[in-house]
Amino acid sequence: MQKIVYYVASSLDGFIAGVNDDISKFVPNGNGVEKYLSDLKKFKTVIMGRRTYEFGYQFGIVPGQPAYPHMNHHIFSETLKIKQLADNVRIEKKSIKRIIEIKEKSKTDVYLCGGGQFAGWLLDNGLIDILKLKLNPIILGDGIPIFGNSKSTLIGYLIEKESFDSGLEILTYDLKKEH
């Protein structure tokens, strides 16, 4: 079975965005960002929460259109309503069963594009297999926590570490629940 990979940028203090969704302090380019963009090409399926999808509007995503044209999109929301969806965009109700079905049917690992609340729900339900953390050399102090309000306790096993000129690191963890 494919894995769910939460590939996400984070500050040193665990925020995926600052106050008011501010991402301006994150490393914007360089070889670490290029590596991330190259890695995204390997995924054919993406899952995300409503806030993450809507966050993309400010970067030119048109409602109903894919954020990543080469991926099948599953946007999990109880409230998002869009009349015209592209063929590769679906709005789904949050369901463990549905997440497992998507994982089973995907031809590649599944890219979890966030966000914090949705990732926290997935973590609480044992559904995140790999955490690829784009660790930025910044401290934000406040904002959107990487796993929302989750209180789950886990042990992550570091399986890969890449360092880049900008101070950015990509740390890959295999996540295992504690017994």
N, C-alpha and C. Protein backbone atom coordinates (compact mmCIF):
# COMPACT_ATOMS: atom_id res chain seq x y z
N MET A 1 0.84 -1.19 0.00
CA MET A 1 0.00 0.00 0.00
C MET A 1 0.89 1.25 0.00
N GLN A 2 0.40 2.28 -0.65
CA GLN A 2 1.12 3.55 -0.70
C GLN A 2 1.11 4.20 0.69
N LYS A 3 1.98 5.19 0.85
CA LYS A 3 2.08 5.89 2.13
C LYS A 3 1.53 7.30 1.99
N ILE A 4 1.06 7.85 3.10
CA ILE A 4 0.69 9.26 3.16
C ILE A 4 1.91 10.01 3.67
N VAL A 5 2.36 10.98 2.87
CA VAL A 5 3.57 11.74 3.15
C VAL A 5 3.18 13.20 3.42
N TYR A 6 3.36 13.62 4.66
CA TYR A 6 3.12 15.03 5.01
C TYR A 6 4.43 15.77 4.74
N TYR A 7 4.45 16.47 3.61
CA TYR A 7 5.64 17.20 3.14
C TYR A 7 5.32 18.67 3.37
N VAL A 8 5.95 19.27 4.38
CA VAL A 8 5.49 20.58 4.84
C VAL A 8 6.66 21.44 5.32
N ALA A 9 6.54 22.73 5.07
CA ALA A 9 7.51 23.70 5.59
C ALA A 9 7.14 24.03 7.03
N SER A 10 8.17 24.16 7.87
CA SER A 10 7.94 24.49 9.26
C SER A 10 9.02 25.44 9.75
N SER A 11 8.63 26.27 10.72
CA SER A 11 9.62 27.09 11.44
C SER A 11 10.28 26.20 12.49
N LEU A 12 11.34 26.69 13.09
CA LEU A 12 12.01 25.94 14.15
C LEU A 12 11.09 25.69 15.35
N ASP A 13 10.11 26.58 15.53
CA ASP A 13 9.19 26.41 16.66
C ASP A 13 7.87 25.75 16.26
N GLY A 14 7.84 25.09 15.10
CA GLY A 14 6.72 24.21 14.76
C GLY A 14 5.50 24.84 14.12
N PHE A 15 5.67 25.96 13.44
CA PHE A 15 4.54 26.60 12.76
C PHE A 15 4.69 26.48 11.25
N ILE A 16 3.56 26.16 10.55
CA ILE A 16 3.58 26.06 9.10
C ILE A 16 3.23 27.38 8.43
N ALA A 17 2.79 28.32 9.22
CA ALA A 17 2.55 29.70 8.78
C ALA A 17 2.50 30.55 10.04
N GLY A 18 2.78 31.82 9.88
CA GLY A 18 2.71 32.72 11.01
C GLY A 18 1.29 33.22 11.22
N VAL A 19 1.17 34.27 12.01
CA VAL A 19 -0.12 34.91 12.25
C VAL A 19 -0.68 35.41 10.92
N ASN A 20 -1.98 35.29 10.74
CA ASN A 20 -2.67 35.69 9.50
C ASN A 20 -2.11 34.97 8.27
N ASP A 21 -1.74 33.69 8.45
CA ASP A 21 -1.25 32.85 7.35
C ASP A 21 0.02 33.39 6.69
N ASP A 22 0.80 34.19 7.43
CA ASP A 22 2.01 34.80 6.87
C ASP A 22 3.09 33.74 6.65
N ILE A 23 3.56 33.62 5.39
CA ILE A 23 4.65 32.70 5.07
C ILE A 23 5.87 33.46 4.53
N SER A 24 5.87 34.77 4.69
CA SER A 24 6.90 35.61 4.08
C SER A 24 8.31 35.37 4.64
N LYS A 25 8.43 34.81 5.82
CA LYS A 25 9.76 34.58 6.41
C LYS A 25 10.38 33.24 6.02
N PHE A 26 9.57 32.36 5.41
CA PHE A 26 10.08 31.06 4.97
C PHE A 26 11.03 31.24 3.80
N VAL A 27 12.02 30.35 3.69
CA VAL A 27 12.99 30.39 2.59
C VAL A 27 12.21 30.29 1.27
N PRO A 28 12.30 31.34 0.39
CA PRO A 28 11.46 31.38 -0.81
C PRO A 28 12.03 30.66 -2.03
N ASN A 29 13.34 30.44 -2.04
CA ASN A 29 13.94 29.82 -3.23
C ASN A 29 15.29 29.21 -2.85
N GLY A 30 15.98 28.68 -3.83
CA GLY A 30 17.26 28.03 -3.58
C GLY A 30 17.17 26.54 -3.82
N ASN A 31 18.29 25.85 -3.59
CA ASN A 31 18.35 24.44 -3.94
C ASN A 31 17.43 23.56 -3.08
N GLY A 32 17.12 23.97 -1.86
CA GLY A 32 16.18 23.21 -1.03
C GLY A 32 14.76 23.30 -1.56
N VAL A 33 14.36 24.49 -1.99
CA VAL A 33 13.03 24.68 -2.56
C VAL A 33 12.94 23.95 -3.90
N GLU A 34 14.02 24.00 -4.69
CA GLU A 34 14.04 23.27 -5.96
C GLU A 34 13.89 21.76 -5.73
N LYS A 35 14.53 21.24 -4.69
CA LYS A 35 14.42 19.82 -4.34
C LYS A 35 12.97 19.48 -4.00
N TYR A 36 12.33 20.33 -3.22
CA TYR A 36 10.92 20.14 -2.85
C TYR A 36 10.05 20.11 -4.10
N LEU A 37 10.20 21.09 -4.98
CA LEU A 37 9.38 21.15 -6.20
C LEU A 37 9.62 19.93 -7.09
N SER A 38 10.85 19.47 -7.15
CA SER A 38 11.17 18.27 -7.92
C SER A 38 10.51 17.04 -7.29
N ASP A 39 10.54 16.95 -5.96
CA ASP A 39 9.90 15.83 -5.26
C ASP A 39 8.40 15.78 -5.51
N LEU A 40 7.76 16.94 -5.61
CA LEU A 40 6.31 16.98 -5.82
C LEU A 40 5.91 16.32 -7.14
N LYS A 41 6.79 16.34 -8.12
CA LYS A 41 6.49 15.74 -9.42
C LYS A 41 6.29 14.23 -9.34
N LYS A 42 6.77 13.62 -8.27
CA LYS A 42 6.65 12.17 -8.09
C LYS A 42 5.27 11.74 -7.60
N PHE A 43 4.49 12.67 -7.08
CA PHE A 43 3.17 12.35 -6.54
C PHE A 43 2.10 12.47 -7.63
N LYS A 44 1.11 11.55 -7.58
CA LYS A 44 -0.03 11.62 -8.50
C LYS A 44 -1.33 11.93 -7.75
N THR A 45 -1.25 11.92 -6.41
CA THR A 45 -2.44 12.15 -5.58
C THR A 45 -2.07 13.11 -4.46
N VAL A 46 -2.98 14.08 -4.21
CA VAL A 46 -2.79 15.03 -3.11
C VAL A 46 -4.07 15.09 -2.29
N ILE A 47 -3.91 15.14 -0.96
CA ILE A 47 -5.02 15.38 -0.06
C ILE A 47 -4.71 16.65 0.72
N MET A 48 -5.77 17.39 1.05
CA MET A 48 -5.58 18.63 1.81
C MET A 48 -6.90 19.04 2.45
N GLY A 49 -6.80 19.94 3.40
CA GLY A 49 -7.98 20.51 4.01
C GLY A 49 -8.44 21.74 3.24
N ARG A 50 -9.63 22.21 3.57
CA ARG A 50 -10.24 23.36 2.89
C ARG A 50 -9.38 24.62 3.02
N ARG A 51 -8.89 24.91 4.22
CA ARG A 51 -8.12 26.15 4.41
C ARG A 51 -6.86 26.16 3.55
N THR A 52 -6.21 25.01 3.42
CA THR A 52 -5.01 24.94 2.58
C THR A 52 -5.36 25.20 1.13
N TYR A 53 -6.45 24.59 0.66
CA TYR A 53 -6.87 24.81 -0.73
C TYR A 53 -7.19 26.29 -0.96
N GLU A 54 -7.98 26.86 -0.07
CA GLU A 54 -8.35 28.28 -0.22
C GLU A 54 -7.16 29.21 -0.07
N PHE A 55 -6.16 28.82 0.70
CA PHE A 55 -4.93 29.61 0.84
C PHE A 55 -4.28 29.81 -0.54
N GLY A 56 -4.40 28.81 -1.39
CA GLY A 56 -3.83 28.87 -2.73
C GLY A 56 -4.47 29.92 -3.63
N TYR A 57 -5.67 30.38 -3.30
CA TYR A 57 -6.34 31.39 -4.13
C TYR A 57 -5.48 32.64 -4.27
N GLN A 58 -4.79 33.03 -3.18
CA GLN A 58 -3.97 34.24 -3.23
C GLN A 58 -2.73 34.06 -4.11
N PHE A 59 -2.45 32.82 -4.52
CA PHE A 59 -1.32 32.54 -5.41
C PHE A 59 -1.78 32.16 -6.81
N GLY A 60 -3.06 32.44 -7.10
CA GLY A 60 -3.57 32.27 -8.46
C GLY A 60 -4.40 31.03 -8.71
N ILE A 61 -4.60 30.18 -7.70
CA ILE A 61 -5.46 29.02 -7.92
C ILE A 61 -6.90 29.50 -8.07
N VAL A 62 -7.55 29.04 -9.11
CA VAL A 62 -8.95 29.37 -9.37
C VAL A 62 -9.81 28.31 -8.66
N PRO A 63 -10.83 28.75 -7.88
CA PRO A 63 -11.67 27.76 -7.19
C PRO A 63 -12.18 26.68 -8.16
N GLY A 64 -11.98 25.43 -7.75
CA GLY A 64 -12.40 24.29 -8.56
C GLY A 64 -11.30 23.72 -9.43
N GLN A 65 -10.21 24.48 -9.56
CA GLN A 65 -9.09 24.01 -10.37
C GLN A 65 -8.02 23.39 -9.48
N PRO A 66 -7.17 22.54 -10.05
CA PRO A 66 -6.14 21.88 -9.24
C PRO A 66 -5.00 22.83 -8.87
N ALA A 67 -4.47 22.63 -7.69
CA ALA A 67 -3.26 23.35 -7.27
C ALA A 67 -2.04 22.78 -7.98
N TYR A 68 -2.09 21.48 -8.24
CA TYR A 68 -1.00 20.76 -8.91
C TYR A 68 -1.63 20.00 -10.08
N PRO A 69 -1.53 20.53 -11.30
CA PRO A 69 -2.26 19.97 -12.44
C PRO A 69 -2.02 18.48 -12.69
N HIS A 70 -0.87 17.95 -12.31
CA HIS A 70 -0.58 16.54 -12.59
C HIS A 70 -1.09 15.58 -11.49
N MET A 71 -1.75 16.12 -10.46
CA MET A 71 -2.21 15.28 -9.35
C MET A 71 -3.74 15.25 -9.28
N ASN A 72 -4.26 14.11 -8.79
CA ASN A 72 -5.67 14.01 -8.42
C ASN A 72 -5.81 14.62 -7.04
N HIS A 73 -6.77 15.56 -6.91
CA HIS A 73 -6.96 16.31 -5.67
C HIS A 73 -8.17 15.80 -4.90
N HIS A 74 -7.97 15.65 -3.59
CA HIS A 74 -9.05 15.33 -2.67
C HIS A 74 -9.00 16.39 -1.58
N ILE A 75 -9.97 17.29 -1.61
CA ILE A 75 -10.04 18.39 -0.65
C ILE A 75 -11.08 18.01 0.39
N PHE A 76 -10.65 17.89 1.64
CA PHE A 76 -11.54 17.45 2.69
C PHE A 76 -12.14 18.65 3.41
N SER A 77 -13.48 18.74 3.31
CA SER A 77 -14.20 19.86 3.91
C SER A 77 -15.66 19.50 4.08
N GLU A 78 -16.23 19.97 5.16
CA GLU A 78 -17.67 19.82 5.39
C GLU A 78 -18.43 21.02 4.85
N THR A 79 -17.71 22.10 4.51
CA THR A 79 -18.40 23.35 4.16
C THR A 79 -18.08 23.89 2.77
N LEU A 80 -16.99 23.46 2.15
CA LEU A 80 -16.58 24.02 0.86
C LEU A 80 -17.58 23.64 -0.23
N LYS A 81 -18.05 24.64 -0.95
CA LYS A 81 -18.99 24.43 -2.05
C LYS A 81 -18.45 25.15 -3.29
N ILE A 82 -18.16 24.38 -4.33
CA ILE A 82 -17.71 24.94 -5.60
C ILE A 82 -18.53 24.27 -6.68
N LYS A 83 -19.16 25.07 -7.54
CA LYS A 83 -20.06 24.51 -8.55
C LYS A 83 -19.34 23.75 -9.64
N GLN A 84 -18.25 24.28 -10.13
CA GLN A 84 -17.54 23.64 -11.24
C GLN A 84 -16.17 23.16 -10.78
N LEU A 85 -16.00 21.85 -10.78
CA LEU A 85 -14.73 21.26 -10.38
C LEU A 85 -14.03 20.67 -11.60
N ALA A 86 -12.73 20.84 -11.68
CA ALA A 86 -11.95 20.18 -12.71
C ALA A 86 -12.08 18.66 -12.53
N ASP A 87 -11.80 17.93 -13.59
CA ASP A 87 -11.92 16.47 -13.55
C ASP A 87 -11.07 15.83 -12.46
N ASN A 88 -9.94 16.47 -12.12
CA ASN A 88 -9.04 15.88 -11.12
C ASN A 88 -9.16 16.54 -9.74
N VAL A 89 -10.30 17.18 -9.47
CA VAL A 89 -10.54 17.82 -8.17
C VAL A 89 -11.85 17.29 -7.58
N ARG A 90 -11.78 16.79 -6.34
CA ARG A 90 -12.96 16.31 -5.64
C ARG A 90 -13.01 16.94 -4.24
N ILE A 91 -14.21 17.27 -3.82
CA ILE A 91 -14.42 17.74 -2.45
C ILE A 91 -15.01 16.55 -1.69
N GLU A 92 -14.40 16.22 -0.56
CA GLU A 92 -14.75 15.01 0.19
C GLU A 92 -15.12 15.37 1.63
N LYS A 93 -15.95 14.56 2.23
CA LYS A 93 -16.23 14.65 3.66
C LYS A 93 -15.12 13.90 4.40
N LYS A 94 -14.74 14.42 5.56
CA LYS A 94 -13.69 13.78 6.35
C LYS A 94 -14.13 12.39 6.78
N SER A 95 -13.35 11.38 6.38
CA SER A 95 -13.69 10.01 6.69
C SER A 95 -12.41 9.16 6.65
N ILE A 96 -12.18 8.44 7.73
CA ILE A 96 -11.02 7.56 7.78
C ILE A 96 -11.10 6.54 6.65
N LYS A 97 -12.30 5.99 6.45
CA LYS A 97 -12.50 4.99 5.39
C LYS A 97 -12.11 5.57 4.03
N ARG A 98 -12.51 6.81 3.77
CA ARG A 98 -12.22 7.42 2.47
C ARG A 98 -10.71 7.66 2.31
N ILE A 99 -10.05 8.09 3.36
CA ILE A 99 -8.59 8.30 3.31
C ILE A 99 -7.90 6.99 2.95
N ILE A 100 -8.31 5.91 3.60
CA ILE A 100 -7.71 4.59 3.34
C ILE A 100 -7.97 4.17 1.90
N GLU A 101 -9.19 4.41 1.39
CA GLU A 101 -9.50 4.08 -0.02
C GLU A 101 -8.59 4.84 -0.98
N ILE A 102 -8.39 6.12 -0.73
CA ILE A 102 -7.53 6.95 -1.59
C ILE A 102 -6.11 6.40 -1.56
N LYS A 103 -5.65 6.07 -0.37
CA LYS A 103 -4.30 5.53 -0.19
C LYS A 103 -4.14 4.21 -0.96
N GLU A 104 -5.15 3.34 -0.88
CA GLU A 104 -5.11 2.05 -1.56
C GLU A 104 -5.13 2.18 -3.07
N LYS A 105 -5.87 3.16 -3.58
CA LYS A 105 -6.05 3.29 -5.04
C LYS A 105 -4.97 4.13 -5.72
N SER A 106 -4.22 4.90 -4.94
CA SER A 106 -3.22 5.79 -5.53
C SER A 106 -2.09 4.99 -6.17
N LYS A 107 -1.62 5.45 -7.32
CA LYS A 107 -0.50 4.81 -8.01
C LYS A 107 0.85 5.20 -7.41
N THR A 108 0.86 6.26 -6.60
CA THR A 108 2.08 6.73 -5.94
C THR A 108 1.75 6.97 -4.47
N ASP A 109 2.77 7.29 -3.69
CA ASP A 109 2.50 7.76 -2.34
C ASP A 109 1.59 8.98 -2.44
N VAL A 110 0.85 9.26 -1.37
CA VAL A 110 -0.11 10.36 -1.34
C VAL A 110 0.53 11.56 -0.65
N TYR A 111 0.50 12.71 -1.33
CA TYR A 111 1.04 13.96 -0.80
C TYR A 111 0.00 14.62 0.08
N LEU A 112 0.30 14.75 1.36
CA LEU A 112 -0.54 15.51 2.28
C LEU A 112 -0.03 16.94 2.26
N CYS A 113 -0.83 17.82 1.68
CA CYS A 113 -0.46 19.22 1.52
C CYS A 113 -0.94 20.06 2.70
N GLY A 114 -1.44 19.46 3.71
CA GLY A 114 -1.86 20.20 4.90
C GLY A 114 -3.36 20.37 4.95
N GLY A 115 -3.73 21.21 5.85
CA GLY A 115 -2.91 22.02 6.73
C GLY A 115 -2.89 21.47 8.13
N GLY A 116 -2.62 22.34 9.08
CA GLY A 116 -2.38 21.92 10.44
C GLY A 116 -3.52 21.13 11.07
N GLN A 117 -4.74 21.63 10.98
CA GLN A 117 -5.88 20.95 11.60
C GLN A 117 -6.12 19.59 10.94
N PHE A 118 -6.11 19.57 9.60
CA PHE A 118 -6.34 18.32 8.87
C PHE A 118 -5.21 17.32 9.17
N ALA A 119 -3.97 17.80 9.16
CA ALA A 119 -2.83 16.93 9.47
C ALA A 119 -2.94 16.39 10.90
N GLY A 120 -3.39 17.22 11.83
CA GLY A 120 -3.57 16.78 13.21
C GLY A 120 -4.61 15.67 13.31
N TRP A 121 -5.71 15.82 12.57
CA TRP A 121 -6.76 14.79 12.55
C TRP A 121 -6.20 13.49 11.98
N LEU A 122 -5.44 13.59 10.88
CA LEU A 122 -4.82 12.40 10.29
C LEU A 122 -3.84 11.75 11.27
N LEU A 123 -3.04 12.56 11.94
CA LEU A 123 -2.08 12.05 12.92
C LEU A 123 -2.81 11.34 14.05
N ASP A 124 -3.86 11.96 14.57
CA ASP A 124 -4.63 11.37 15.67
C ASP A 124 -5.22 10.01 15.28
N ASN A 125 -5.45 9.82 13.99
CA ASN A 125 -6.04 8.57 13.50
C ASN A 125 -4.99 7.62 12.90
N GLY A 126 -3.72 7.92 13.13
CA GLY A 126 -2.65 7.03 12.69
C GLY A 126 -2.50 6.92 11.18
N LEU A 127 -2.83 7.99 10.46
CA LEU A 127 -2.86 7.91 9.00
C LEU A 127 -1.69 8.59 8.30
N ILE A 128 -0.75 9.18 9.03
CA ILE A 128 0.42 9.77 8.39
C ILE A 128 1.58 8.79 8.55
N ASP A 129 2.14 8.39 7.42
CA ASP A 129 3.23 7.41 7.45
C ASP A 129 4.60 8.07 7.50
N ILE A 130 4.77 9.13 6.71
CA ILE A 130 6.06 9.80 6.57
C ILE A 130 5.87 11.30 6.78
N LEU A 131 6.77 11.90 7.54
CA LEU A 131 6.83 13.36 7.68
C LEU A 131 8.10 13.83 6.99
N LYS A 132 7.94 14.64 5.94
CA LYS A 132 9.08 15.29 5.29
C LYS A 132 8.99 16.75 5.69
N LEU A 133 9.86 17.14 6.59
CA LEU A 133 9.83 18.46 7.20
C LEU A 133 10.85 19.37 6.53
N LYS A 134 10.36 20.42 5.86
CA LYS A 134 11.25 21.45 5.31
C LYS A 134 11.49 22.44 6.44
N LEU A 135 12.52 22.18 7.22
CA LEU A 135 12.78 22.97 8.42
C LEU A 135 13.49 24.26 8.05
N ASN A 136 12.81 25.37 8.27
CA ASN A 136 13.32 26.70 7.95
C ASN A 136 14.02 27.30 9.16
N PRO A 137 15.13 28.01 8.96
CA PRO A 137 15.88 28.58 10.08
C PRO A 137 15.24 29.87 10.60
N ILE A 138 13.97 29.77 11.01
CA ILE A 138 13.23 30.93 11.51
C ILE A 138 12.44 30.52 12.75
N ILE A 139 12.14 31.51 13.57
CA ILE A 139 11.24 31.32 14.72
C ILE A 139 10.11 32.32 14.53
N LEU A 140 8.88 31.80 14.50
CA LEU A 140 7.73 32.66 14.25
C LEU A 140 7.02 33.10 15.52
N GLY A 141 7.08 32.29 16.58
CA GLY A 141 6.46 32.68 17.84
C GLY A 141 4.98 32.38 17.95
N ASP A 142 4.27 32.38 16.82
CA ASP A 142 2.82 32.13 16.83
C ASP A 142 2.41 31.83 15.40
N GLY A 143 1.23 31.25 15.25
CA GLY A 143 0.73 30.95 13.92
C GLY A 143 -0.02 29.64 13.88
N ILE A 144 0.12 28.92 12.77
CA ILE A 144 -0.58 27.65 12.57
C ILE A 144 0.37 26.50 12.93
N PRO A 145 0.06 25.76 14.00
CA PRO A 145 0.92 24.63 14.39
C PRO A 145 0.90 23.52 13.34
N ILE A 146 2.02 22.86 13.19
CA ILE A 146 2.20 21.83 12.17
C ILE A 146 1.14 20.72 12.26
N PHE A 147 0.68 20.40 13.47
CA PHE A 147 -0.35 19.38 13.64
C PHE A 147 -1.59 19.93 14.33
N GLY A 148 -1.89 21.21 14.10
CA GLY A 148 -3.09 21.80 14.66
C GLY A 148 -3.19 21.62 16.15
N ASN A 149 -4.32 21.13 16.62
CA ASN A 149 -4.56 20.93 18.05
C ASN A 149 -4.28 19.51 18.52
N SER A 150 -3.65 18.70 17.68
CA SER A 150 -3.40 17.30 18.03
C SER A 150 -2.57 17.20 19.30
N LYS A 151 -2.91 16.24 20.11
CA LYS A 151 -2.15 15.94 21.33
C LYS A 151 -1.49 14.56 21.22
N SER A 152 -1.45 14.00 20.01
CA SER A 152 -0.85 12.67 19.82
C SER A 152 0.61 12.67 20.21
N THR A 153 1.05 11.55 20.71
CA THR A 153 2.44 11.33 21.06
C THR A 153 3.00 10.27 20.13
N LEU A 154 4.09 10.57 19.47
CA LEU A 154 4.68 9.65 18.50
C LEU A 154 6.19 9.64 18.61
N ILE A 155 6.77 8.59 18.08
CA ILE A 155 8.22 8.54 17.91
C ILE A 155 8.46 8.58 16.41
N GLY A 156 9.26 9.52 15.96
CA GLY A 156 9.64 9.58 14.55
C GLY A 156 11.04 9.05 14.38
N TYR A 157 11.22 8.23 13.37
CA TYR A 157 12.54 7.66 13.09
C TYR A 157 13.14 8.39 11.89
N LEU A 158 14.21 9.14 12.11
CA LEU A 158 14.86 9.89 11.05
C LEU A 158 15.44 8.91 10.03
N ILE A 159 14.99 9.04 8.77
CA ILE A 159 15.48 8.13 7.73
C ILE A 159 16.27 8.86 6.65
N GLU A 160 16.19 10.20 6.64
CA GLU A 160 16.99 10.96 5.68
C GLU A 160 17.10 12.41 6.15
N LYS A 161 18.27 13.01 5.89
CA LYS A 161 18.50 14.40 6.26
C LYS A 161 19.29 15.06 5.13
N GLU A 162 18.74 16.17 4.61
CA GLU A 162 19.42 16.92 3.56
C GLU A 162 19.54 18.37 4.01
N SER A 163 20.72 18.94 3.85
CA SER A 163 20.97 20.33 4.24
C SER A 163 21.26 21.15 2.99
N PHE A 164 20.79 22.41 3.00
CA PHE A 164 20.93 23.29 1.84
C PHE A 164 21.55 24.62 2.23
N ASP A 165 22.08 25.31 1.23
CA ASP A 165 22.83 26.56 1.43
C ASP A 165 22.07 27.60 2.24
N SER A 166 20.76 27.68 2.06
CA SER A 166 19.95 28.72 2.70
C SER A 166 19.74 28.48 4.19
N GLY A 167 20.23 27.35 4.70
CA GLY A 167 19.96 26.98 6.08
C GLY A 167 18.76 26.05 6.19
N LEU A 168 18.05 25.88 5.07
CA LEU A 168 16.92 24.97 5.03
C LEU A 168 17.42 23.53 5.13
N GLU A 169 16.67 22.70 5.87
CA GLU A 169 16.95 21.27 5.92
C GLU A 169 15.67 20.54 5.58
N ILE A 170 15.80 19.42 4.89
CA ILE A 170 14.65 18.54 4.67
C ILE A 170 14.94 17.27 5.47
N LEU A 171 14.12 17.07 6.50
CA LEU A 171 14.26 15.93 7.41
C LEU A 171 13.11 14.97 7.14
N THR A 172 13.43 13.72 6.87
CA THR A 172 12.40 12.72 6.57
C THR A 172 12.31 11.74 7.72
N TYR A 173 11.10 11.64 8.28
CA TYR A 173 10.84 10.77 9.41
C TYR A 173 9.80 9.71 9.06
N ASP A 174 10.06 8.49 9.48
CA ASP A 174 9.06 7.44 9.46
C ASP A 174 8.33 7.57 10.79
N LEU A 175 7.02 7.77 10.75
CA LEU A 175 6.26 7.99 11.99
C LEU A 175 5.66 6.69 12.49
N LYS A 176 5.89 6.41 13.75
CA LYS A 176 5.33 5.21 14.39
C LYS A 176 4.66 5.63 15.69
N LYS A 177 3.47 5.16 15.89
CA LYS A 177 2.79 5.46 17.15
C LYS A 177 3.46 4.73 18.30
N GLU A 178 3.49 5.38 19.44
CA GLU A 178 4.00 4.72 20.66
C GLU A 178 3.01 3.68 21.11
N HIS A 179 3.51 2.63 21.72
CA HIS A 179 2.62 1.58 22.25
C HIS A 179 2.41 1.76 23.73
